[in-house]
């Protein structure tokens, strides 16, 4: 904060807080056909809308913790809850995106989000298999 100053530090904090959304929107932007490119304003609005929707999730959600998740908290139950939240989040993303994107862009966004959701679900399930249920007794030799 001392280096950047109060105002620029707030901009930096917001930039860091939206890193996940920035990555998603950049990947979406890169996948768009040339005739459906996003304007800078659309890109920024979409990032902020997605960040707002993610922040509305419970703080305990695996979707909010990202790579900062405590492996002991990754259970079948927490993954099932996160997958439900992900489905609801994707719907809210699409609802918010409808006011930002053109119909053609929205169609592409919906497809992209379905792929993102499938990839996220696979990652959560894999994490549950890797880290979940560590307190169980090891199998007998």
N, C-alpha and C. Protein backbone atom coordinates (compact mmCIF):
# COMPACT_ATOMS: atom_id res chain seq x y z
N UNK A 1 0.83 -1.19 0.00
CA UNK A 1 0.00 0.00 0.00
C UNK A 1 0.88 1.25 0.00
N UNK A 2 1.98 1.19 0.75
CA UNK A 2 2.89 2.34 0.80
C UNK A 2 3.48 2.62 -0.58
N UNK A 3 3.79 1.57 -1.31
CA UNK A 3 4.39 1.71 -2.63
C UNK A 3 3.40 2.30 -3.64
N UNK A 4 2.16 1.79 -3.63
CA UNK A 4 1.18 2.19 -4.64
C UNK A 4 0.36 3.42 -4.25
N UNK A 5 0.20 3.67 -2.99
CA UNK A 5 -0.70 4.71 -2.55
C UNK A 5 -2.09 4.12 -2.36
N UNK A 6 -2.90 4.78 -1.58
CA UNK A 6 -4.22 4.25 -1.20
C UNK A 6 -5.11 3.97 -2.40
N UNK A 7 -5.21 4.90 -3.33
CA UNK A 7 -6.12 4.74 -4.47
C UNK A 7 -5.66 3.60 -5.39
N UNK A 8 -4.39 3.59 -5.75
CA UNK A 8 -3.89 2.54 -6.63
C UNK A 8 -3.87 1.18 -5.94
N UNK A 9 -3.71 1.18 -4.63
CA UNK A 9 -3.73 -0.08 -3.89
C UNK A 9 -5.12 -0.71 -3.97
N UNK A 10 -6.16 0.09 -3.92
CA UNK A 10 -7.54 -0.42 -4.05
C UNK A 10 -7.75 -1.02 -5.44
N UNK A 11 -7.22 -0.38 -6.46
CA UNK A 11 -7.31 -0.90 -7.83
C UNK A 11 -6.58 -2.23 -7.90
N UNK A 12 -5.41 -2.31 -7.31
CA UNK A 12 -4.63 -3.54 -7.28
C UNK A 12 -5.39 -4.65 -6.57
N UNK A 13 -5.98 -4.36 -5.42
CA UNK A 13 -6.74 -5.37 -4.67
C UNK A 13 -7.91 -5.89 -5.49
N UNK A 14 -8.62 -4.99 -6.20
CA UNK A 14 -9.73 -5.43 -7.03
C UNK A 14 -9.23 -6.29 -8.19
N UNK A 15 -8.11 -5.92 -8.76
CA UNK A 15 -7.53 -6.71 -9.84
C UNK A 15 -7.20 -8.11 -9.36
N UNK A 16 -6.56 -8.22 -8.21
CA UNK A 16 -6.23 -9.53 -7.65
C UNK A 16 -7.48 -10.34 -7.31
N UNK A 17 -8.49 -9.67 -6.77
CA UNK A 17 -9.72 -10.36 -6.35
C UNK A 17 -10.50 -10.92 -7.54
N UNK A 18 -10.27 -10.39 -8.72
CA UNK A 18 -11.00 -10.84 -9.90
C UNK A 18 -10.12 -11.66 -10.85
N UNK A 19 -9.01 -12.18 -10.35
CA UNK A 19 -8.09 -12.92 -11.21
C UNK A 19 -8.76 -14.12 -11.88
N UNK A 20 -9.58 -14.85 -11.14
CA UNK A 20 -10.27 -16.01 -11.72
C UNK A 20 -11.23 -15.62 -12.82
N UNK A 21 -11.98 -14.57 -12.58
CA UNK A 21 -12.92 -14.10 -13.60
C UNK A 21 -12.17 -13.55 -14.81
N UNK A 22 -11.08 -12.86 -14.58
CA UNK A 22 -10.28 -12.34 -15.70
C UNK A 22 -9.77 -13.48 -16.58
N UNK A 23 -9.32 -14.56 -15.93
CA UNK A 23 -8.84 -15.70 -16.68
C UNK A 23 -9.98 -16.31 -17.51
N UNK A 24 -11.14 -16.50 -16.89
CA UNK A 24 -12.27 -17.07 -17.62
C UNK A 24 -12.68 -16.21 -18.80
N UNK A 25 -12.78 -14.91 -18.56
CA UNK A 25 -13.21 -14.01 -19.63
C UNK A 25 -12.17 -13.95 -20.74
N UNK A 26 -10.89 -13.99 -20.38
CA UNK A 26 -9.84 -14.00 -21.42
C UNK A 26 -9.94 -15.25 -22.27
N UNK A 27 -10.16 -16.39 -21.63
CA UNK A 27 -10.30 -17.64 -22.38
C UNK A 27 -11.54 -17.59 -23.27
N UNK A 28 -12.63 -17.06 -22.74
CA UNK A 28 -13.86 -16.90 -23.53
C UNK A 28 -13.60 -15.97 -24.71
N UNK A 29 -12.95 -14.87 -24.44
CA UNK A 29 -12.64 -13.87 -25.48
C UNK A 29 -11.79 -14.49 -26.59
N UNK A 30 -10.80 -15.28 -26.19
CA UNK A 30 -9.92 -15.93 -27.16
C UNK A 30 -10.67 -16.95 -28.02
N UNK A 31 -11.74 -17.52 -27.49
CA UNK A 31 -12.50 -18.54 -28.22
C UNK A 31 -13.56 -17.96 -29.15
N UNK A 32 -13.81 -16.67 -29.03
CA UNK A 32 -14.85 -16.05 -29.86
C UNK A 32 -14.40 -15.92 -31.32
N UNK A 33 -15.35 -16.09 -32.23
CA UNK A 33 -15.01 -15.84 -33.64
C UNK A 33 -14.76 -14.34 -33.86
N UNK A 34 -14.07 -14.04 -34.93
CA UNK A 34 -13.67 -12.65 -35.21
C UNK A 34 -14.86 -11.70 -35.31
N UNK A 35 -16.01 -12.20 -35.73
CA UNK A 35 -17.17 -11.32 -35.89
C UNK A 35 -17.96 -11.12 -34.59
N UNK A 36 -17.45 -11.66 -33.48
CA UNK A 36 -18.17 -11.53 -32.21
C UNK A 36 -17.25 -11.07 -31.08
N UNK A 37 -16.21 -10.31 -31.41
CA UNK A 37 -15.24 -9.90 -30.39
C UNK A 37 -15.90 -9.02 -29.32
N UNK A 38 -15.33 -9.08 -28.14
CA UNK A 38 -15.81 -8.25 -27.03
C UNK A 38 -15.17 -6.87 -27.08
N UNK A 39 -15.94 -5.87 -26.73
CA UNK A 39 -15.35 -4.55 -26.55
C UNK A 39 -14.68 -4.53 -25.18
N UNK A 40 -13.81 -3.56 -24.95
CA UNK A 40 -13.17 -3.43 -23.65
C UNK A 40 -14.21 -3.25 -22.55
N UNK A 41 -15.25 -2.48 -22.84
CA UNK A 41 -16.31 -2.24 -21.86
C UNK A 41 -17.06 -3.52 -21.53
N UNK A 42 -17.39 -4.31 -22.56
CA UNK A 42 -18.07 -5.59 -22.33
C UNK A 42 -17.20 -6.51 -21.47
N UNK A 43 -15.93 -6.56 -21.79
CA UNK A 43 -15.00 -7.42 -21.06
C UNK A 43 -14.97 -7.02 -19.58
N UNK A 44 -14.80 -5.75 -19.32
CA UNK A 44 -14.75 -5.26 -17.94
C UNK A 44 -16.07 -5.50 -17.22
N UNK A 45 -17.19 -5.21 -17.87
CA UNK A 45 -18.50 -5.41 -17.25
C UNK A 45 -18.75 -6.87 -16.94
N UNK A 46 -18.34 -7.75 -17.83
CA UNK A 46 -18.53 -9.18 -17.62
C UNK A 46 -17.68 -9.68 -16.45
N UNK A 47 -16.45 -9.23 -16.37
CA UNK A 47 -15.57 -9.61 -15.25
C UNK A 47 -16.19 -9.17 -13.93
N UNK A 48 -16.63 -7.92 -13.87
CA UNK A 48 -17.20 -7.41 -12.62
C UNK A 48 -18.50 -8.11 -12.25
N UNK A 49 -19.34 -8.41 -13.24
CA UNK A 49 -20.60 -9.11 -12.97
C UNK A 49 -20.33 -10.51 -12.44
N UNK A 50 -19.39 -11.20 -13.05
CA UNK A 50 -19.05 -12.55 -12.61
C UNK A 50 -18.45 -12.52 -11.19
N UNK A 51 -17.60 -11.56 -10.93
CA UNK A 51 -17.00 -11.44 -9.60
C UNK A 51 -18.06 -11.16 -8.55
N UNK A 52 -19.01 -10.29 -8.87
CA UNK A 52 -20.11 -10.00 -7.95
C UNK A 52 -20.90 -11.26 -7.62
N UNK A 53 -21.19 -12.04 -8.63
CA UNK A 53 -21.98 -13.26 -8.42
C UNK A 53 -21.20 -14.29 -7.60
N UNK A 54 -19.91 -14.42 -7.86
CA UNK A 54 -19.10 -15.35 -7.07
C UNK A 54 -19.02 -14.91 -5.62
N UNK A 55 -18.87 -13.62 -5.40
CA UNK A 55 -18.78 -13.10 -4.03
C UNK A 55 -20.07 -13.33 -3.26
N UNK A 56 -21.19 -13.51 -3.96
CA UNK A 56 -22.48 -13.75 -3.30
C UNK A 56 -22.59 -15.18 -2.77
N UNK A 57 -21.66 -16.04 -3.16
CA UNK A 57 -21.65 -17.41 -2.64
C UNK A 57 -21.25 -17.39 -1.17
N UNK A 58 -21.63 -18.42 -0.43
CA UNK A 58 -21.18 -18.48 0.96
C UNK A 58 -19.64 -18.49 1.02
N UNK A 59 -19.09 -17.84 2.01
CA UNK A 59 -17.63 -17.77 2.15
C UNK A 59 -17.02 -19.16 2.28
N UNK A 60 -17.79 -20.10 2.78
CA UNK A 60 -17.28 -21.46 2.98
C UNK A 60 -17.27 -22.29 1.70
N UNK A 61 -17.81 -21.76 0.63
CA UNK A 61 -17.89 -22.50 -0.63
C UNK A 61 -16.51 -22.82 -1.19
N UNK A 62 -16.36 -24.05 -1.68
CA UNK A 62 -15.11 -24.41 -2.35
C UNK A 62 -14.87 -23.52 -3.56
N UNK A 63 -15.94 -23.01 -4.15
CA UNK A 63 -15.80 -22.16 -5.34
C UNK A 63 -15.18 -20.81 -4.99
N UNK A 64 -15.29 -20.40 -3.75
CA UNK A 64 -14.68 -19.14 -3.31
C UNK A 64 -13.26 -19.33 -2.82
N UNK A 65 -12.91 -20.53 -2.45
CA UNK A 65 -11.59 -20.77 -1.87
C UNK A 65 -10.54 -21.05 -2.92
N UNK A 66 -10.94 -21.63 -4.04
CA UNK A 66 -9.98 -21.91 -5.10
C UNK A 66 -8.83 -22.75 -4.60
N UNK A 67 -7.61 -22.32 -4.91
CA UNK A 67 -6.43 -23.08 -4.53
C UNK A 67 -6.09 -22.92 -3.05
N UNK A 68 -6.82 -22.08 -2.34
CA UNK A 68 -6.58 -21.90 -0.92
C UNK A 68 -7.40 -22.86 -0.07
N UNK A 69 -8.01 -23.85 -0.70
CA UNK A 69 -8.84 -24.81 0.02
C UNK A 69 -7.99 -25.67 0.94
N UNK A 70 -8.52 -25.92 2.12
CA UNK A 70 -7.91 -26.87 3.04
C UNK A 70 -8.28 -28.26 2.55
N UNK A 71 -7.30 -29.08 2.19
CA UNK A 71 -7.61 -30.40 1.64
C UNK A 71 -8.54 -31.23 2.52
N UNK A 72 -8.49 -31.03 3.84
CA UNK A 72 -9.37 -31.81 4.71
C UNK A 72 -10.83 -31.41 4.56
N UNK A 73 -11.08 -30.25 3.98
CA UNK A 73 -12.45 -29.79 3.77
C UNK A 73 -13.05 -30.29 2.46
N UNK A 74 -12.24 -30.95 1.65
CA UNK A 74 -12.71 -31.46 0.36
C UNK A 74 -13.24 -32.88 0.57
N UNK A 75 -14.55 -32.93 0.75
CA UNK A 75 -15.24 -34.20 0.97
C UNK A 75 -16.26 -34.39 -0.13
N UNK A 76 -16.83 -35.58 -0.20
CA UNK A 76 -17.89 -35.82 -1.19
C UNK A 76 -19.04 -34.85 -0.99
N UNK A 77 -19.36 -34.57 0.27
CA UNK A 77 -20.47 -33.66 0.58
C UNK A 77 -20.15 -32.22 0.15
N UNK A 78 -18.92 -31.76 0.44
CA UNK A 78 -18.57 -30.39 0.07
C UNK A 78 -18.48 -30.23 -1.44
N UNK A 79 -18.03 -31.29 -2.13
CA UNK A 79 -17.97 -31.25 -3.60
C UNK A 79 -19.38 -31.24 -4.17
N UNK A 80 -20.28 -32.05 -3.61
CA UNK A 80 -21.67 -32.06 -4.08
C UNK A 80 -22.31 -30.68 -3.89
N UNK A 81 -22.05 -30.06 -2.76
CA UNK A 81 -22.58 -28.71 -2.51
C UNK A 81 -21.98 -27.71 -3.50
N UNK A 82 -20.68 -27.82 -3.76
CA UNK A 82 -20.01 -26.90 -4.69
C UNK A 82 -20.56 -27.08 -6.10
N UNK A 83 -20.85 -28.31 -6.50
CA UNK A 83 -21.38 -28.55 -7.84
C UNK A 83 -22.78 -27.94 -7.98
N UNK A 84 -23.59 -28.02 -6.92
CA UNK A 84 -24.90 -27.36 -6.94
C UNK A 84 -24.74 -25.85 -7.06
N UNK A 85 -23.81 -25.31 -6.26
CA UNK A 85 -23.54 -23.88 -6.30
C UNK A 85 -23.02 -23.45 -7.67
N UNK A 86 -22.19 -24.29 -8.28
CA UNK A 86 -21.64 -24.00 -9.60
C UNK A 86 -22.76 -23.91 -10.63
N UNK A 87 -23.70 -24.82 -10.57
CA UNK A 87 -24.83 -24.80 -11.49
C UNK A 87 -25.64 -23.51 -11.33
N UNK A 88 -25.90 -23.12 -10.09
CA UNK A 88 -26.64 -21.88 -9.83
C UNK A 88 -25.83 -20.66 -10.26
N UNK A 89 -24.53 -20.71 -10.01
CA UNK A 89 -23.65 -19.61 -10.39
C UNK A 89 -23.63 -19.42 -11.90
N UNK A 90 -23.55 -20.52 -12.64
CA UNK A 90 -23.54 -20.44 -14.10
C UNK A 90 -24.82 -19.78 -14.62
N UNK A 91 -25.94 -20.09 -13.99
CA UNK A 91 -27.22 -19.49 -14.40
C UNK A 91 -27.20 -17.99 -14.13
N UNK A 92 -26.69 -17.60 -12.97
CA UNK A 92 -26.61 -16.17 -12.65
C UNK A 92 -25.63 -15.46 -13.58
N UNK A 93 -24.52 -16.12 -13.93
CA UNK A 93 -23.59 -15.54 -14.91
C UNK A 93 -24.32 -15.27 -16.22
N UNK A 94 -25.07 -16.25 -16.69
CA UNK A 94 -25.78 -16.09 -17.97
C UNK A 94 -26.81 -14.98 -17.88
N UNK A 95 -27.52 -14.91 -16.76
CA UNK A 95 -28.52 -13.85 -16.59
C UNK A 95 -27.86 -12.47 -16.64
N UNK A 96 -26.74 -12.31 -15.96
CA UNK A 96 -26.04 -11.03 -15.96
C UNK A 96 -25.41 -10.74 -17.33
N UNK A 97 -24.88 -11.79 -17.97
CA UNK A 97 -24.23 -11.62 -19.27
C UNK A 97 -25.24 -11.19 -20.33
N UNK A 98 -26.49 -11.56 -20.18
CA UNK A 98 -27.52 -11.21 -21.16
C UNK A 98 -27.66 -9.69 -21.30
N UNK A 99 -27.36 -8.96 -20.26
CA UNK A 99 -27.44 -7.50 -20.31
C UNK A 99 -26.15 -6.87 -20.83
N UNK A 100 -25.12 -7.67 -21.02
CA UNK A 100 -23.80 -7.15 -21.41
C UNK A 100 -23.44 -7.54 -22.84
N UNK A 101 -23.78 -8.76 -23.21
CA UNK A 101 -23.34 -9.33 -24.48
C UNK A 101 -24.42 -9.25 -25.54
N UNK A 102 -24.00 -9.32 -26.80
CA UNK A 102 -24.94 -9.43 -27.90
C UNK A 102 -25.53 -10.84 -27.88
N UNK A 103 -26.64 -11.09 -28.57
CA UNK A 103 -27.19 -12.45 -28.60
C UNK A 103 -26.19 -13.50 -29.10
N UNK A 104 -25.42 -13.16 -30.12
CA UNK A 104 -24.43 -14.11 -30.64
C UNK A 104 -23.33 -14.37 -29.61
N UNK A 105 -22.88 -13.33 -28.93
CA UNK A 105 -21.86 -13.49 -27.90
C UNK A 105 -22.41 -14.30 -26.72
N UNK A 106 -23.66 -14.04 -26.36
CA UNK A 106 -24.28 -14.75 -25.25
C UNK A 106 -24.39 -16.24 -25.55
N UNK A 107 -24.71 -16.58 -26.77
CA UNK A 107 -24.78 -17.99 -27.17
C UNK A 107 -23.42 -18.65 -26.98
N UNK A 108 -22.36 -17.96 -27.42
CA UNK A 108 -21.00 -18.48 -27.27
C UNK A 108 -20.61 -18.55 -25.79
N UNK A 109 -21.02 -17.55 -25.03
CA UNK A 109 -20.71 -17.52 -23.60
C UNK A 109 -21.36 -18.70 -22.88
N UNK A 110 -22.59 -19.00 -23.22
CA UNK A 110 -23.30 -20.12 -22.61
C UNK A 110 -22.58 -21.43 -22.91
N UNK A 111 -22.16 -21.61 -24.14
CA UNK A 111 -21.42 -22.82 -24.51
C UNK A 111 -20.09 -22.89 -23.75
N UNK A 112 -19.40 -21.76 -23.69
CA UNK A 112 -18.13 -21.71 -22.98
C UNK A 112 -18.33 -22.05 -21.51
N UNK A 113 -19.38 -21.50 -20.90
CA UNK A 113 -19.63 -21.75 -19.48
C UNK A 113 -19.99 -23.22 -19.22
N UNK A 114 -20.65 -23.86 -20.16
CA UNK A 114 -20.95 -25.29 -20.01
C UNK A 114 -19.64 -26.09 -19.99
N UNK A 115 -18.72 -25.73 -20.87
CA UNK A 115 -17.43 -26.40 -20.90
C UNK A 115 -16.65 -26.11 -19.61
N UNK A 116 -16.68 -24.87 -19.17
CA UNK A 116 -15.97 -24.47 -17.96
C UNK A 116 -16.55 -25.23 -16.76
N UNK A 117 -17.86 -25.34 -16.73
CA UNK A 117 -18.52 -26.05 -15.64
C UNK A 117 -18.11 -27.52 -15.61
N UNK A 118 -18.07 -28.15 -16.77
CA UNK A 118 -17.67 -29.56 -16.84
C UNK A 118 -16.22 -29.72 -16.38
N UNK A 119 -15.36 -28.81 -16.78
CA UNK A 119 -13.96 -28.87 -16.37
C UNK A 119 -13.83 -28.65 -14.86
N UNK A 120 -14.58 -27.69 -14.33
CA UNK A 120 -14.55 -27.42 -12.89
C UNK A 120 -15.07 -28.60 -12.09
N UNK A 121 -16.15 -29.20 -12.58
CA UNK A 121 -16.72 -30.37 -11.90
C UNK A 121 -15.72 -31.52 -11.87
N UNK A 122 -15.04 -31.74 -12.98
CA UNK A 122 -14.04 -32.80 -13.03
C UNK A 122 -12.91 -32.52 -12.04
N UNK A 123 -12.49 -31.28 -11.95
CA UNK A 123 -11.43 -30.90 -11.02
C UNK A 123 -11.85 -31.10 -9.57
N UNK A 124 -13.08 -30.71 -9.25
CA UNK A 124 -13.58 -30.90 -7.89
C UNK A 124 -13.67 -32.37 -7.52
N UNK A 125 -14.17 -33.16 -8.45
CA UNK A 125 -14.30 -34.60 -8.19
C UNK A 125 -12.93 -35.25 -8.02
N UNK A 126 -11.97 -34.83 -8.82
CA UNK A 126 -10.62 -35.37 -8.70
C UNK A 126 -10.01 -34.96 -7.36
N UNK A 127 -10.23 -33.72 -6.95
CA UNK A 127 -9.71 -33.26 -5.65
C UNK A 127 -10.32 -34.08 -4.52
N UNK A 128 -11.60 -34.38 -4.62
CA UNK A 128 -12.25 -35.18 -3.58
C UNK A 128 -11.64 -36.57 -3.52
N UNK A 129 -11.33 -37.13 -4.67
CA UNK A 129 -10.70 -38.46 -4.69
C UNK A 129 -9.28 -38.41 -4.12
N UNK A 130 -8.57 -37.33 -4.41
CA UNK A 130 -7.18 -37.22 -3.96
C UNK A 130 -7.08 -36.89 -2.48
N UNK A 131 -7.94 -35.98 -2.00
CA UNK A 131 -7.77 -35.45 -0.66
C UNK A 131 -8.85 -35.90 0.32
N UNK A 132 -9.98 -36.29 -0.20
CA UNK A 132 -11.11 -36.61 0.67
C UNK A 132 -10.88 -37.86 1.48
N UNK A 133 -11.52 -37.89 2.64
CA UNK A 133 -11.57 -39.07 3.49
C UNK A 133 -10.19 -39.55 3.91
N UNK A 134 -9.28 -38.62 4.23
CA UNK A 134 -7.92 -38.98 4.65
C UNK A 134 -7.90 -39.59 6.05
N UNK A 135 -8.98 -39.42 6.82
CA UNK A 135 -8.97 -39.92 8.19
C UNK A 135 -9.38 -41.38 8.26
N UNK A 136 -9.77 -41.97 7.17
CA UNK A 136 -10.16 -43.38 7.18
C UNK A 136 -8.93 -44.25 7.45
N UNK A 137 -9.16 -45.35 8.12
CA UNK A 137 -8.06 -46.26 8.43
C UNK A 137 -7.52 -46.86 7.16
N UNK A 138 -6.20 -47.08 7.08
CA UNK A 138 -5.64 -47.68 5.87
C UNK A 138 -6.12 -49.14 5.76
N UNK A 139 -6.18 -49.63 4.55
CA UNK A 139 -6.62 -51.02 4.38
C UNK A 139 -5.64 -51.99 5.04
N UNK A 140 -6.17 -53.07 5.50
CA UNK A 140 -5.34 -54.08 6.16
C UNK A 140 -4.37 -54.70 5.15
N UNK A 141 -3.12 -54.97 5.56
CA UNK A 141 -2.13 -55.54 4.62
C UNK A 141 -2.48 -56.94 4.18
